[in-house]
Amino acid sequence: MLRIQNASFAYDGADAIRNVTLEVGGGGFLMALAGPNGSGKSTLLKMIARVLRPRSGEIFFDGQKLTDWPAKDYARKIGYLPQEIDATFPMRAIDVVVSGRAAYLGRFSWETSSDYAKAEEALATCDASHLAGRFLDEMSGGERKRVFLARVLAGAPRLILLDEPFAALDIAHVQQFAFLLRGIVDRTGSTVIFAAHDLNWAAAYSDRMIVMRRGEIAVDAVPAAVMRAEVVRDLFGFEARVVDGWVVPRA
């Protein structure tokens, strides 16, 4: 499905991604992009989402270069939820979610009853049907994240990209949101790639982990192979114990 070949990117001459090569197949699974802040996770997601264009290298989706995909066709395949969400507009949740159908509309077309049905279905998938008539500024951060995830799902993408979806959520809401992602993968068959700087949350809810360090892929493995004291020491530079699969820093 997705193939990244020697991709690099720089901000004002400073390397953010260096020669990343990665393949992601289809078939519905959760993949975590882990690593410390500034390791390149968000930049990599933005390149896949076509928000940024690689300085060098190529990215392919279904065997076709991203640059060759028509914008609307690619928008139907890929859903992207950035880390920063502008929730200041006084919009109802259902109107936010139905806007995720934009890639299916004609140039001067309005949403149809079918589009609203897809939006309602997406809200239901995110356990957010009760939020449909509420305005964004009346919601908690966790509720807004469900609404914007529903917006992504309304477009029925095969690949869903989420940048720090657990940020600013308390532990209970992290668990709820992670269970929600697992349910989406199981019900829709979509593949989800999410970025997380917290190693424990990344490992707890993923099938595959990519750990990045200074713009490069340091480890590509199943979570159990990553959550080892010697791996944590090498990648993150601190001593830790691993207790029941969770990293506990040594005092």
Foldseek 3Di string as FASTA:
>chain_A
DKWWAQFWDDDPPHTQAGGETDDDDFFFFEEEEEEAPSLNPLVVLCCVVVVDPTPDTFMDDPRHTPVPDDPLVVLLAEFEDEPDDPQPDFDQLLVLQLVLQVSVDDPPDDDDPVSSVLLCVLCVLLVRNVRRGHTSVVDDPLNVLSSNSSSRCSSVHQEYEEEASCPPPDPVSLVSVLVSSNSCRVPRSHYYYYYDHALQSSLVRGQWYFYGGNNYTPDTGHLVVCQCQVNCCVRVVFGFDQDPSGTGGDD
